[in-house]
Amino acid sequence: MVRNAALENRLLEEAILISFDIPDRYKTRRTAVYRFLNGRSDTKIVGGIPKTYRYPGLLDEGGFRLGQSVFVLPPTLASRLIQKLVELRVEHQQWQVFW
């Protein structure tokens, strides 16, 4: 067995694993959640020149996507996502994890 000293000395950090599923009939909710997570870009014509505006999402602040509708986030960001899911009435599950 090969040991990695960097991994052995690493302290475990708390994170929240969040999973949700939004049925196809709730396209507006799905769009709102994914824009909240991933941000969005808008291109507008300003003075005859196209200009792109980037609006960051929650994942730009930390955390990452594990799979379809499964995310791992630090507790502060997870609470913001959970609040958004509750606001949009999206069923979800959450688990406290350490990594």
Protein backbone atom coordinates (compact mmCIF):
# COMPACT_ATOMS: atom_id res chain seq x y z
CA MET A 1 0.00 0.00 0.00
CA VAL A 2 1.38 3.40 -1.01
CA ARG A 3 0.77 6.20 1.46
CA ASN A 4 0.49 9.82 0.56
CA ALA A 5 1.83 12.08 3.35
CA ALA A 6 -0.12 15.07 2.03
CA LEU A 7 -3.40 13.16 2.33
CA GLU A 8 -2.55 11.75 5.76
CA ASN A 9 -1.89 15.23 7.15
CA ARG A 10 -4.98 16.79 5.62
CA LEU A 11 -7.73 17.71 8.06
CA LEU A 12 -11.23 16.61 7.17
CA GLU A 13 -13.55 19.43 6.20
CA GLU A 14 -17.29 19.48 6.63
CA ALA A 15 -19.39 19.67 3.49
CA ILE A 16 -23.00 19.08 2.54
CA LEU A 17 -23.98 16.66 -0.21
CA ILE A 18 -27.22 17.81 -1.86
CA SER A 19 -29.31 15.83 -4.32
CA PHE A 20 -32.51 16.94 -6.01
CA ASP A 21 -34.73 15.99 -8.90
CA ILE A 22 -36.92 18.39 -10.83
CA PRO A 23 -39.55 16.71 -13.05
CA ASP A 24 -39.71 17.70 -16.73
CA ARG A 25 -42.98 19.55 -16.25
CA TYR A 26 -41.21 22.13 -14.01
CA LYS A 27 -38.87 23.58 -16.63
CA THR A 28 -39.01 27.09 -15.11
CA ARG A 29 -37.90 25.78 -11.72
CA ARG A 30 -35.09 23.75 -13.30
CA THR A 31 -33.84 26.80 -15.19
CA ALA A 32 -33.93 28.93 -12.03
CA VAL A 33 -31.96 26.35 -10.00
CA TYR A 34 -29.30 25.80 -12.66
CA ARG A 35 -28.84 29.54 -13.21
CA PHE A 36 -28.52 29.96 -9.45
CA LEU A 37 -25.84 27.24 -9.37
CA ASN A 38 -23.95 27.89 -12.62
CA GLY A 39 -24.62 31.56 -13.29
CA ARG A 40 -25.45 32.85 -16.72
CA SER A 41 -24.17 35.02 -19.55
CA ASP A 42 -26.13 37.60 -21.52
CA THR A 43 -24.95 39.19 -24.74
CA LYS A 44 -26.38 42.60 -25.58
CA ILE A 45 -25.69 45.10 -28.31
CA VAL A 46 -24.23 48.27 -26.79
CA GLY A 47 -23.46 51.07 -29.23
CA GLY A 48 -23.61 48.61 -32.12
CA ILE A 49 -21.04 46.31 -30.47
CA PRO A 50 -21.98 42.99 -28.86
CA LYS A 51 -21.06 42.93 -25.19
CA THR A 52 -21.26 39.84 -22.97
CA TYR A 53 -22.18 40.16 -19.31
CA ARG A 54 -21.36 37.26 -16.98
CA TYR A 55 -23.40 36.72 -13.83
CA PRO A 56 -21.62 34.20 -11.55
CA GLY A 57 -23.41 31.35 -9.85
CA LEU A 58 -23.07 29.65 -6.50
CA LEU A 59 -20.54 27.11 -7.80
CA ASP A 60 -18.20 29.97 -8.72
CA GLU A 61 -17.85 30.57 -4.97
CA GLY A 62 -16.92 26.95 -4.16
CA GLY A 63 -18.14 23.39 -4.19
CA PHE A 64 -18.60 21.20 -7.22
CA ARG A 65 -20.94 18.96 -9.15
CA LEU A 66 -20.64 15.21 -8.52
CA GLY A 67 -23.28 14.08 -11.00
CA GLN A 68 -26.67 14.96 -12.40
CA SER A 69 -28.36 17.10 -9.73
CA VAL A 70 -25.81 16.05 -7.07
CA PHE A 71 -23.53 18.69 -5.55
CA VAL A 72 -21.03 18.98 -2.69
CA LEU A 73 -20.84 22.41 -1.10
CA PRO A 74 -19.35 24.02 2.00
CA PRO A 75 -22.05 24.49 4.68
CA THR A 76 -22.53 28.24 4.05
CA LEU A 77 -23.09 27.75 0.32
CA ALA A 78 -25.20 24.64 0.91
CA SER A 79 -27.57 26.61 3.13
CA ARG A 80 -28.08 29.13 0.32
CA LEU A 81 -28.85 26.36 -2.17
CA ILE A 82 -31.23 24.65 0.26
CA GLN A 83 -33.01 27.96 0.84
CA LYS A 84 -33.42 28.39 -2.94
CA LEU A 85 -34.72 24.82 -3.34
CA VAL A 86 -37.25 25.35 -0.55
CA GLU A 87 -38.29 28.68 -2.07
CA LEU A 88 -38.89 26.99 -5.44
CA ARG A 89 -40.58 23.97 -3.78
CA VAL A 90 -38.03 21.50 -5.15
CA GLU A 91 -37.77 18.18 -3.31
CA HIS A 92 -34.23 17.53 -2.19
CA GLN A 93 -32.09 15.47 0.17
CA GLN A 94 -29.00 16.51 2.06
CA TRP A 95 -26.25 14.71 3.95
CA GLN A 96 -23.43 16.01 6.09
CA VAL A 97 -20.11 14.60 4.85
CA PHE A 98 -16.45 15.03 5.74
CA TRP A 99 -13.69 14.92 3.18
